[in-house]
Protein backbone atom coordinates (compact mmCIF):
# COMPACT_ATOMS: atom_id res chain seq x y z
CA MET A 1 -56.03 -78.09 2.85
CA LYS A 2 -53.42 -80.25 1.33
CA SER A 3 -51.71 -77.41 -0.76
CA VAL A 4 -51.54 -75.47 2.88
CA ARG A 5 -50.54 -78.87 4.78
CA LYS A 6 -47.69 -78.92 1.64
CA ILE A 7 -46.38 -75.59 2.90
CA GLY A 8 -46.58 -75.55 6.07
CA ILE A 9 -42.40 -75.89 6.61
CA ILE A 10 -42.36 -72.93 4.97
CA ALA A 11 -45.14 -71.13 5.89
CA ARG A 12 -43.30 -71.39 9.31
CA LEU A 13 -40.42 -70.00 8.21
CA LEU A 14 -42.54 -67.09 6.38
CA CYS A 15 -43.96 -66.04 10.03
CA VAL A 16 -40.78 -65.70 11.60
CA ALA A 17 -39.73 -63.76 9.03
CA LEU A 18 -43.00 -61.68 9.17
CA LEU A 19 -42.23 -61.35 12.99
CA LEU A 20 -39.17 -59.67 12.58
CA ALA A 21 -40.44 -57.36 9.48
CA ALA A 22 -42.89 -56.52 12.25
CA CYS A 23 -39.45 -55.10 14.66
CA GLY A 24 -38.02 -54.10 11.34
CA SER A 25 -36.09 -56.74 9.83
CA GLU A 26 -34.34 -56.56 6.63
CA SER A 27 -36.31 -60.20 5.99
CA ASP A 28 -39.97 -59.96 4.72
CA GLY A 29 -42.87 -61.84 6.24
CA SER A 30 -45.63 -64.80 4.02
CA GLY A 31 -49.14 -65.42 4.59
CA LYS A 32 -52.18 -64.01 2.38
CA LYS A 33 -56.04 -62.72 3.19
CA ASP A 34 -59.37 -61.59 1.40
CA SER A 35 -63.38 -60.32 2.04
CA LYS A 36 -66.70 -58.86 1.64
CA LYS A 37 -70.40 -58.60 2.75
CA ASP A 38 -74.40 -57.59 2.94
CA ASN A 39 -77.04 -59.77 3.70
CA ASN A 40 -78.94 -59.43 0.73
CA LYS A 41 -75.95 -58.96 -1.61
CA GLU A 42 -75.65 -63.12 -2.58
CA ASN A 43 -76.08 -62.45 -6.39
CA ALA A 44 -75.21 -58.53 -6.16
CA SER A 45 -71.96 -57.23 -7.38
CA VAL A 46 -68.86 -57.64 -4.83
CA THR A 47 -67.95 -53.81 -5.26
CA GLU A 48 -69.12 -51.79 -2.42
CA THR A 49 -69.13 -47.84 -1.34
CA ILE A 50 -65.67 -47.78 1.15
CA GLY A 51 -66.48 -46.97 5.15
CA THR A 52 -64.97 -43.46 6.40
CA PRO A 53 -61.76 -43.84 5.98
CA THR A 54 -58.15 -43.70 9.13
CA ILE A 55 -57.39 -39.92 9.59
CA THR A 56 -53.84 -39.37 8.47
CA PRO A 57 -50.82 -38.15 10.75
CA GLU A 58 -50.90 -35.64 7.29
CA GLU A 59 -54.58 -34.53 7.90
CA LYS A 60 -54.47 -33.63 11.40
CA SER A 61 -52.52 -31.83 14.34
CA PHE A 62 -49.76 -34.64 14.47
CA SER A 63 -48.24 -35.56 18.06
CA ILE A 64 -45.52 -38.28 18.21
CA THR A 65 -46.29 -38.32 21.65
CA SER A 66 -49.82 -38.46 21.85
CA TYR A 67 -49.93 -41.42 19.01
CA ALA A 68 -47.31 -43.62 20.87
CA ALA A 69 -49.24 -43.04 24.27
CA GLU A 70 -53.10 -43.49 22.17
CA THR A 71 -51.46 -46.97 20.61
CA ASP A 72 -50.45 -47.92 24.02
CA LYS A 73 -53.57 -47.45 25.51
CA LEU A 74 -55.07 -49.81 22.79
CA VAL A 75 -52.16 -52.21 23.08
CA LYS A 76 -52.78 -52.24 26.86
CA GLU A 77 -56.67 -52.47 26.89
CA ALA A 78 -56.46 -55.49 24.13
CA VAL A 79 -53.71 -57.36 26.69
CA ALA A 80 -56.70 -56.89 29.80
CA GLN A 81 -59.27 -58.21 28.00
CA VAL A 82 -56.81 -61.41 27.32
CA LYS A 83 -55.85 -61.54 30.72
CA ASN A 84 -59.46 -60.96 32.03
CA GLY A 85 -61.04 -63.63 29.62
CA ASP A 86 -63.48 -60.42 28.84
CA TYR A 87 -65.36 -60.75 25.67
CA THR A 88 -66.96 -57.59 26.03
CA PRO A 89 -68.16 -56.71 22.59
CA LEU A 90 -66.80 -53.02 21.34
CA ASP A 91 -69.09 -50.03 21.16
CA GLU A 92 -68.70 -49.83 17.35
CA PRO A 93 -67.42 -52.49 14.82
CA VAL A 94 -64.25 -51.81 13.92
CA LYS A 95 -64.11 -50.35 9.76
CA TYR A 96 -62.28 -52.33 7.96
CA ASN A 97 -61.63 -51.68 4.46
CA VAL A 98 -60.40 -54.68 1.56
CA LEU A 99 -59.18 -54.08 -1.85
CA TRP A 100 -59.52 -57.18 -3.42
CA LEU A 101 -58.21 -57.45 -7.33
CA GLY A 102 -58.55 -61.06 -9.21
CA PHE A 103 -56.23 -61.19 -11.85
CA THR A 104 -57.92 -62.96 -14.58
CA HIS A 105 -54.58 -63.96 -16.98
CA VAL A 106 -51.59 -64.91 -15.28
CA THR A 107 -48.14 -66.41 -16.89
CA PHE A 108 -45.04 -68.11 -16.07
CA GLY A 109 -42.63 -68.89 -18.88
CA GLU A 110 -44.79 -70.71 -21.24
CA LEU A 111 -47.22 -71.39 -18.87
CA ASP A 112 -51.18 -69.53 -19.41
CA PHE A 113 -53.48 -69.32 -16.39
CA GLN A 114 -56.99 -67.58 -17.40
CA MET A 115 -60.06 -67.30 -15.46
CA THR A 116 -63.50 -68.42 -16.98
CA ASP A 117 -66.50 -66.94 -17.07
CA PHE A 118 -67.69 -69.31 -14.43
CA ASP A 119 -64.65 -68.51 -12.19
CA ARG A 120 -65.53 -64.82 -12.04
CA GLU A 121 -68.66 -65.99 -10.50
CA TYR A 122 -67.42 -68.07 -8.01
CA LEU A 123 -64.43 -65.79 -7.23
CA GLN A 124 -66.99 -62.60 -5.96
CA ALA A 125 -69.15 -65.30 -3.84
CA VAL A 126 -65.95 -66.36 -2.38
CA ALA A 127 -65.58 -62.69 -1.42
CA LEU A 128 -68.83 -62.42 -0.37
CA ASN A 129 -68.38 -65.22 1.79
CA PHE A 130 -65.47 -64.20 3.02
CA GLU A 131 -66.72 -60.82 4.58
CA GLN A 132 -70.03 -62.30 6.21
CA SER A 133 -68.68 -65.22 7.89
CA VAL A 134 -65.77 -63.51 9.36
CA GLU A 135 -68.15 -60.81 10.56
CA GLU A 136 -70.29 -63.16 11.60
CA ILE A 137 -67.84 -65.34 13.60
CA ALA A 138 -65.92 -62.27 15.19
CA ASN A 139 -69.45 -60.94 16.92
CA HIS A 140 -69.34 -58.14 14.25
CA ASN A 141 -66.58 -56.16 16.25
CA VAL A 142 -65.36 -55.70 13.03
CA ASP A 143 -67.01 -54.70 9.77
CA ILE A 144 -65.39 -55.33 6.85
CA ALA A 145 -66.06 -53.55 3.35
CA VAL A 146 -64.95 -54.86 0.00
CA GLU A 147 -64.08 -52.86 -2.94
CA PHE A 148 -63.77 -55.88 -5.64
CA HIS A 149 -62.39 -55.44 -9.23
CA PHE A 150 -61.15 -58.07 -12.05
CA VAL A 151 -57.64 -57.29 -13.88
CA ASP A 152 -57.68 -58.34 -17.02
CA ASP A 153 -53.96 -57.30 -17.88
CA VAL A 154 -51.76 -60.71 -18.66
CA THR A 155 -49.59 -60.46 -15.19
CA PRO A 156 -46.26 -62.59 -14.51
CA LEU A 157 -46.13 -64.77 -11.40
CA THR A 158 -43.06 -65.63 -9.32
CA GLN A 159 -41.61 -68.48 -8.48
CA ALA A 160 -40.19 -69.03 -4.58
CA SER A 161 -36.99 -68.77 -3.86
CA GLY A 162 -35.59 -72.57 -3.76
CA ALA A 163 -39.00 -73.85 -4.70
CA ASP A 164 -40.88 -74.47 -7.43
CA TRP A 165 -44.00 -72.58 -6.32
CA LEU A 166 -45.43 -69.71 -8.03
CA TYR A 167 -47.27 -66.54 -6.15
CA LEU A 168 -48.28 -63.74 -6.84
CA ALA A 169 -45.79 -60.89 -5.89
CA GLN A 170 -47.10 -57.28 -4.27
CA GLU A 171 -44.32 -55.60 -5.77
CA THR A 172 -44.94 -57.19 -9.68
CA VAL A 173 -48.86 -56.00 -8.88
CA GLN A 174 -47.69 -52.48 -6.78
CA SER A 175 -48.83 -50.40 -9.49
CA TYR A 176 -52.58 -51.75 -9.34
CA ILE A 177 -52.88 -51.09 -6.10
CA ASP A 178 -51.45 -47.51 -6.11
CA SER A 179 -53.94 -46.70 -8.22
CA PHE A 180 -56.79 -47.19 -5.69
CA LEU A 181 -54.99 -45.89 -3.06
CA ALA A 182 -54.43 -42.94 -4.42
CA ASP A 183 -57.56 -41.71 -3.40
CA ARG A 184 -58.72 -44.56 -1.06
CA GLU A 185 -57.88 -46.09 2.19
CA PHE A 186 -57.97 -49.90 2.52
CA ASP A 187 -56.29 -51.84 5.18
CA THR A 188 -55.26 -54.67 3.29
CA VAL A 189 -55.00 -55.96 -0.28
CA LEU A 190 -56.23 -59.56 -1.52
CA THR A 191 -55.35 -60.81 -4.60
CA THR A 192 -56.45 -64.23 -6.55
CA VAL A 193 -55.19 -65.87 -9.61
CA GLN A 194 -57.14 -69.26 -10.79
CA THR A 195 -54.59 -72.13 -12.26
CA ASP A 196 -57.42 -74.78 -11.81
CA GLY A 197 -59.93 -75.94 -14.35
CA ASP A 198 -60.07 -78.21 -17.68
CA GLU A 199 -59.54 -75.32 -19.60
CA ASN A 200 -56.33 -74.18 -17.86
CA ARG A 201 -55.19 -78.08 -17.78
CA GLU A 202 -55.89 -78.04 -21.67
CA ARG A 203 -53.70 -75.11 -22.29
CA ASN A 204 -50.89 -76.14 -20.27
CA GLU A 205 -50.67 -79.57 -20.36
CA ASP A 206 -48.18 -80.10 -23.06
CA LYS A 207 -46.03 -77.03 -21.90
CA ASP A 208 -42.85 -76.91 -20.12
CA GLY A 209 -43.06 -76.94 -16.50
CA TYR A 210 -47.08 -77.68 -16.03
CA GLY A 211 -47.03 -80.05 -13.33
CA VAL A 212 -44.16 -78.98 -11.87
CA HIS A 213 -44.71 -75.34 -11.37
CA ASP A 214 -48.21 -74.60 -9.19
CA VAL A 215 -49.00 -71.94 -7.39
CA MET A 216 -49.12 -71.74 -3.80
CA LEU A 217 -52.44 -71.46 -1.61
CA GLY A 218 -50.56 -68.00 -0.61
CA LEU A 219 -47.05 -67.43 0.06
CA GLU A 220 -46.08 -63.66 0.22
CA THR A 221 -48.09 -61.68 3.72
CA ALA A 222 -47.34 -57.80 4.28
CA ASN A 223 -48.73 -57.46 7.66
CA MET A 224 -50.44 -54.91 10.19
CA SER A 225 -47.39 -54.00 11.54
CA MET A 226 -47.02 -52.66 8.06
CA PRO A 227 -48.37 -49.73 5.97
CA ILE A 228 -50.74 -52.49 4.02
CA GLY A 229 -51.51 -55.66 4.57
CA TYR A 230 -50.82 -57.74 1.30
CA SER A 231 -51.93 -61.55 0.83
CA THR A 232 -52.60 -63.85 -2.56
CA PHE A 233 -53.82 -67.63 -3.15
CA ASN A 234 -54.93 -69.66 -5.99
CA LEU A 235 -58.80 -69.67 -6.26
CA THR A 236 -58.94 -73.47 -7.23
CA LYS A 237 -62.27 -74.71 -8.28
CA PRO A 238 -65.22 -75.33 -5.87
CA ARG A 239 -65.87 -78.89 -4.05
CA GLU A 240 -69.29 -80.66 -5.03
CA GLY A 241 -72.18 -79.70 -3.12
CA THR A 242 -70.63 -76.31 -2.04
CA TYR A 243 -71.54 -73.46 -4.39
CA PRO A 244 -74.19 -71.91 -5.08
CA LEU A 245 -73.90 -70.37 -1.60
CA ALA A 246 -77.07 -71.64 0.56
CA ASP A 247 -76.01 -68.94 3.50
CA PRO A 248 -73.24 -65.89 2.65
CA LYS A 249 -72.77 -65.62 6.31
CA VAL A 250 -71.88 -69.32 6.80
CA PRO A 251 -68.52 -70.36 5.59
CA SER A 252 -68.94 -73.16 2.97
CA LEU A 253 -66.45 -72.91 0.32
CA TYR A 254 -63.30 -74.58 0.27
CA ALA A 255 -61.66 -70.70 -1.15
CA THR A 256 -63.09 -69.17 1.65
CA ALA A 257 -61.54 -71.63 4.29
CA VAL A 258 -58.26 -70.71 1.90
CA ALA A 259 -58.81 -66.89 2.52
CA VAL A 260 -59.24 -67.23 6.00
CA HIS A 261 -56.32 -68.90 6.28
CA GLU A 262 -54.04 -66.80 4.80
CA TRP A 263 -55.50 -63.73 6.15
CA MET A 264 -55.08 -64.98 9.25
CA HIS A 265 -51.41 -65.19 8.77
CA GLN A 266 -51.13 -61.28 8.48
CA LEU A 267 -52.45 -60.79 12.33
CA GLU A 268 -49.78 -63.06 13.79
CA PRO A 269 -47.45 -60.54 15.16
CA LEU A 270 -49.78 -59.42 17.36
CA ALA A 271 -48.29 -62.00 19.41
CA THR A 272 -44.64 -59.77 19.79
CA LEU A 273 -46.33 -56.82 19.32
CA LEU A 274 -49.20 -57.18 22.44
CA GLY A 275 -46.36 -59.63 24.01
CA ILE A 276 -48.86 -62.49 24.59
CA GLU A 277 -49.89 -66.45 23.50
CA TYR A 278 -51.26 -65.87 20.31
CA PRO A 279 -51.61 -69.04 17.92
CA ASP A 280 -49.94 -69.77 14.73
CA THR A 281 -52.21 -70.36 11.70
CA HIS A 282 -50.98 -73.83 11.33
CA ALA A 283 -51.71 -74.33 15.00
CA TYR A 284 -54.32 -76.77 13.89
CA GLN A 285 -51.67 -79.34 13.44
CA GLY A 286 -51.43 -80.04 17.32
CA PRO A 287 -49.06 -80.62 19.85
CA GLU A 288 -46.22 -82.33 17.73
CA ALA A 289 -46.17 -79.07 16.08
CA PHE A 290 -47.68 -76.72 18.37
CA PRO A 291 -47.31 -77.72 22.24
CA GLY A 292 -50.00 -76.60 23.76
CA TYR A 293 -52.09 -77.02 20.73
CA GLN A 294 -54.85 -79.51 20.01
CA GLN A 295 -55.31 -81.46 17.14
CA TYR A 296 -58.36 -80.53 14.26
CA ILE A 297 -59.02 -82.62 11.87
CA ALA A 298 -60.69 -81.14 8.31
CA ASP A 299 -63.76 -81.20 7.78
CA ALA A 300 -64.38 -83.65 10.99
CA ASN A 301 -66.63 -80.97 12.82
CA ASP A 302 -66.82 -77.82 10.80
CA TYR A 303 -66.04 -77.13 6.87
CA ASP A 304 -62.46 -77.73 6.57
CA TYR A 305 -60.53 -76.22 9.32
CA PHE A 306 -63.34 -73.61 10.06
CA GLU A 307 -63.64 -75.07 13.50
CA PHE A 308 -59.98 -73.65 14.34
CA TYR A 309 -60.23 -70.72 12.14
CA LYS A 310 -63.54 -69.96 13.97
CA HIS A 311 -62.38 -70.31 17.81
CA VAL A 312 -58.82 -68.21 16.72
CA LEU A 313 -61.34 -64.93 15.57
CA GLN A 314 -63.25 -65.03 18.63
CA GLY A 315 -60.36 -65.09 20.91
CA LYS A 316 -61.65 -68.68 21.97
CA LEU A 317 -58.97 -70.96 21.30
CA PRO A 318 -57.91 -73.47 24.05
CA TYR A 319 -54.23 -73.53 24.83
CA THR A 320 -52.79 -75.55 27.49
CA GLY A 321 -48.84 -74.22 27.15
CA ALA A 322 -48.68 -72.39 30.70
CA GLY A 323 -50.50 -75.60 32.19
CA ASP A 324 -54.15 -74.41 33.34
CA VAL A 325 -56.67 -74.07 30.18
CA GLN A 326 -55.82 -70.49 28.46
CA TYR A 327 -58.62 -69.32 25.54
CA VAL A 328 -56.60 -67.24 22.67
CA GLY A 329 -56.93 -65.42 20.07
CA MET A 330 -58.71 -62.26 18.77
CA TYR A 331 -60.67 -61.01 21.81
CA PRO A 332 -62.66 -57.67 20.79
CA ALA A 333 -60.15 -55.23 22.06
CA MET A 334 -57.77 -56.51 19.53
CA TRP A 335 -59.45 -55.74 16.30
CA ARG A 336 -58.78 -52.12 16.74
CA LEU A 337 -55.03 -53.08 16.48
CA ILE A 338 -55.58 -54.39 12.65
CA LYS A 339 -56.07 -51.21 10.99
CA ARG A 340 -53.89 -49.97 8.44
CA ASN A 341 -51.22 -47.85 10.34
CA VAL A 342 -51.94 -47.99 14.13
CA PHE A 343 -48.67 -49.74 13.90
CA ASN A 344 -46.99 -46.78 11.49
CA ALA A 345 -47.55 -43.50 12.69
CA GLY A 346 -45.94 -42.20 9.40
CA GLU A 347 -42.98 -40.46 7.75
CA PHE A 348 -41.51 -37.64 9.21
CA THR A 349 -38.23 -35.48 9.04
CA ILE A 350 -36.62 -34.83 12.83
CA LYS A 351 -35.26 -31.04 13.34
CA ALA A 352 -32.93 -29.84 15.77
CA ALA A 353 -34.86 -27.73 17.96
CA ASP A 354 -31.80 -24.95 18.28
CA GLY A 355 -32.22 -25.36 13.91
CA GLN A 356 -28.75 -26.72 13.85
CA GLY A 357 -30.12 -29.21 10.57
CA TYR A 358 -31.85 -32.59 10.26
CA LEU A 359 -30.80 -36.29 12.08
CA THR A 360 -30.08 -38.10 9.44
CA GLY A 361 -28.96 -41.24 7.89
CA GLN A 362 -26.79 -42.29 4.86
CA ALA A 363 -26.47 -45.86 3.37
CA SER A 364 -22.88 -44.89 2.62
CA ASP A 365 -22.31 -44.57 6.35
CA PRO A 366 -24.13 -46.03 9.39
CA THR A 367 -23.20 -42.56 11.29
CA LEU A 368 -26.37 -40.69 12.51
CA THR A 369 -25.60 -37.08 11.91
CA LEU A 370 -27.21 -33.67 11.91
CA SER A 371 -27.53 -32.08 8.35
CA ASP A 372 -28.84 -29.08 6.04
CA THR A 373 -30.85 -31.50 4.33
CA PRO A 374 -33.79 -33.80 5.38
CA CYS A 375 -33.98 -37.13 6.11
CA VAL A 376 -37.55 -38.84 5.50
CA TRP A 377 -38.00 -41.27 8.33
CA THR A 378 -40.38 -43.59 9.17
CA ILE A 379 -41.74 -44.70 12.70
CA ARG A 380 -43.32 -47.72 13.81
CA TYR A 381 -45.06 -48.46 16.99
CA ASN A 382 -42.78 -51.76 18.71
CA GLY A 383 -44.98 -52.37 21.88
CA ASP A 384 -44.81 -50.81 25.88
CA GLY A 385 -44.54 -47.35 23.91
CA ARG A 386 -41.60 -47.50 21.68
CA LEU A 387 -40.95 -46.84 18.61
CA VAL A 388 -38.50 -48.27 15.65
CA LEU A 389 -37.23 -45.49 13.91
CA SER A 390 -36.11 -46.23 10.26
CA PRO A 391 -34.96 -44.09 6.85
CA LYS A 392 -37.49 -44.21 4.74
CA GLU A 393 -34.50 -44.78 1.33
CA LEU A 394 -32.53 -47.41 4.27
CA PRO A 395 -36.10 -49.86 5.34
CA ASP A 396 -34.00 -52.13 6.33
CA LYS A 397 -31.83 -50.37 9.36
CA LEU A 398 -32.45 -48.50 12.47
CA ILE A 399 -31.84 -46.37 14.93
CA ASP A 400 -29.27 -48.31 17.21
CA LEU A 401 -27.44 -48.24 20.14
CA GLY A 402 -23.86 -49.17 19.99
CA ASN A 403 -23.32 -52.72 21.15
CA ALA A 404 -26.76 -52.45 23.17
CA TRP A 405 -24.89 -50.41 26.00
CA ASP A 406 -26.33 -47.80 28.25
CA THR A 407 -23.47 -45.74 28.80
CA GLU A 408 -22.74 -41.92 28.73
CA ASN A 409 -21.50 -41.04 25.40
CA ASN A 410 -22.07 -44.21 23.99
CA THR A 411 -22.26 -44.02 20.20
CA ILE A 412 -25.69 -44.24 18.39
CA SER A 413 -26.00 -45.06 14.42
CA LEU A 414 -28.02 -46.66 12.12
CA TRP A 415 -27.73 -50.71 11.82
CA VAL A 416 -29.72 -53.86 10.46
CA TYR A 417 -32.51 -55.28 12.90
CA THR A 418 -30.17 -57.38 15.86
CA GLY A 419 -33.01 -58.96 18.18
CA TYR A 420 -32.07 -56.54 20.85
CA VAL A 421 -35.26 -54.49 21.31
CA ASP A 422 -34.08 -52.27 23.90
CA ALA A 423 -31.09 -51.42 21.72
CA GLN A 424 -32.87 -50.26 18.41
CA SER A 425 -36.40 -49.09 19.91
CA TRP A 426 -36.70 -45.69 21.20
CA ARG A 427 -39.64 -43.59 23.69
CA MET A 428 -40.41 -40.30 22.15
CA PRO A 429 -41.58 -38.57 25.54
CA ASP A 430 -42.31 -34.73 25.34
CA ALA A 431 -39.69 -31.89 26.14
CA GLY A 432 -41.95 -29.03 25.97
CA ASP A 433 -42.67 -26.02 23.28
CA GLY A 434 -43.66 -28.94 20.80
CA CYS A 435 -40.16 -30.64 20.96
CA VAL A 436 -39.41 -34.11 22.11
CA TYR A 437 -36.69 -36.27 23.26
CA ILE A 438 -35.90 -39.58 21.47
CA GLN A 439 -35.16 -41.65 24.62
CA THR A 440 -33.81 -44.99 25.33
CA PRO A 441 -35.95 -47.35 27.10
CA TYR A 442 -33.08 -48.66 29.45
CA GLN A 443 -33.53 -47.63 32.68
CA SER A 444 -31.01 -44.49 32.76
CA GLY A 445 -33.42 -42.32 30.59
CA ARG A 446 -30.67 -40.93 28.22
CA VAL A 447 -30.81 -39.93 25.17
CA LEU A 448 -29.72 -39.15 21.20
CA THR A 449 -27.70 -36.16 21.55
CA ALA A 450 -26.17 -34.57 18.56
CA HIS A 451 -23.50 -31.94 17.56
CA LYS A 452 -23.09 -30.44 14.27
CA GLY A 453 -20.49 -32.41 11.75
CA GLN A 454 -20.01 -34.96 14.75
CA GLN A 455 -22.09 -38.35 15.01
CA ALA A 456 -25.00 -38.96 17.40
CA LEU A 457 -24.29 -40.36 21.42
CA LEU A 458 -26.03 -41.27 24.11
CA CYS A 459 -26.13 -38.49 27.08
CA THR A 460 -27.69 -37.54 29.97
CA ILE A 461 -30.66 -35.25 29.70
CA GLY A 462 -28.98 -31.63 30.14
CA ALA A 463 -25.62 -32.47 28.64
CA ASP A 464 -23.98 -30.49 25.59
CA GLY A 465 -25.61 -30.57 22.37
CA VAL A 466 -28.97 -31.02 20.38
CA GLN A 467 -31.30 -33.06 22.80
CA LYS A 468 -34.83 -31.68 21.37
CA TRP A 469 -36.42 -32.32 18.53
CA ILE A 470 -39.24 -31.28 16.52
CA VAL A 471 -41.05 -34.30 14.52
CA GLU A 472 -43.10 -33.40 11.54
CA PRO A 473 -44.93 -35.51 9.05
CA TYR A 474 -43.51 -35.23 5.65
CA LYS A 475 -45.07 -34.11 3.01
CA ASP A 476 -43.71 -35.21 -0.67
CA PRO A 477 -43.57 -31.89 -2.55
CA SER A 478 -44.41 -33.51 -5.74
């Protein structure tokens, strides 16, 4: 994938940002994705019926304590499979729902790129090839369902910061995404544009910026540690002899390889969230860039880098960084962790059990206090039974233990991501009567304690002040 190699350095930096985002960083990550399926649908419409949606916290009796325990159980089962080299398949495949949008007319300044009728047909074949080949490779531990739509509205591209590359930013197309999310549940969104082909060349070759600004195969990735995944890539033209599809279950299209590559970036946070060795999507470059991994050559043994991708998606990629050969990648139990909101509990209010008010953080003041006005909190799983809490309106801020000091009466406030995981993640054990503690993971087990009109402190259980909290799913009144 020539363009993928061109952006290797950028992608590596974006992957770092992506991992930070999984822990509550200010930074966003970067990557991409897609999919499609059904053995007898090579010439059929790609639009499919969406599978059974995930039940959200608002739709069931929700316990934050149970959520943390259940998520931790899934994580531990996945880690055990990796450690034991256990490939026991799941009893039932994970239902994974994809919203795939083909934006047929995109622009940047004077540049004007449009899909032809052939591009539309080809893109649907790519989605089908993606879905069926990934399912086959993953031994049907995942069941992918794609709902496909073309968007014909003229849509602007975004220029990558500090570079000439263009991409379709999620915020640009969020209104389209929201229109589909209103009544259906998706685990990720894939978007595709087309800037290749004779018609696009003739339309743009005399315009300012043509040949300077190109569309990246993929730049932006919202990953599985976020409320919904997002990836985008450029379609390009099929290579001679690869289209029409001979068998949708066999990865045989260049654009399928691009889609799989970019989508795999979404899975990389599993390394941090599970505390395991998990391959970077660019690890096919070999030991010079990625110690412990062997180099794979495009087209040498399989289409493009699909030998590498297959090994990752089967959990059978050899890694020697720890000495002996270890096989890494997606073990069967890990597929359950890529569903939307597995690592995102949702939005909540946190109310003092004695009725003194709501736990509140504000942009103007990092102090964490009690207020008569509810504050909406997003709560995310952060590994080992821990949770990260951020105000919905301040997603770059986390509940933070001052200077990471586990001392009596230390201050607790809002702060940006620091990398001190113990100081910015919390356990929420049951405190009885439907209440929870907000407890430091440090050995002391001290808990967040609040007094009306004062800053929240870290205190031993039993100290004076509010220590028990009622965590309730937030329902937008609109």
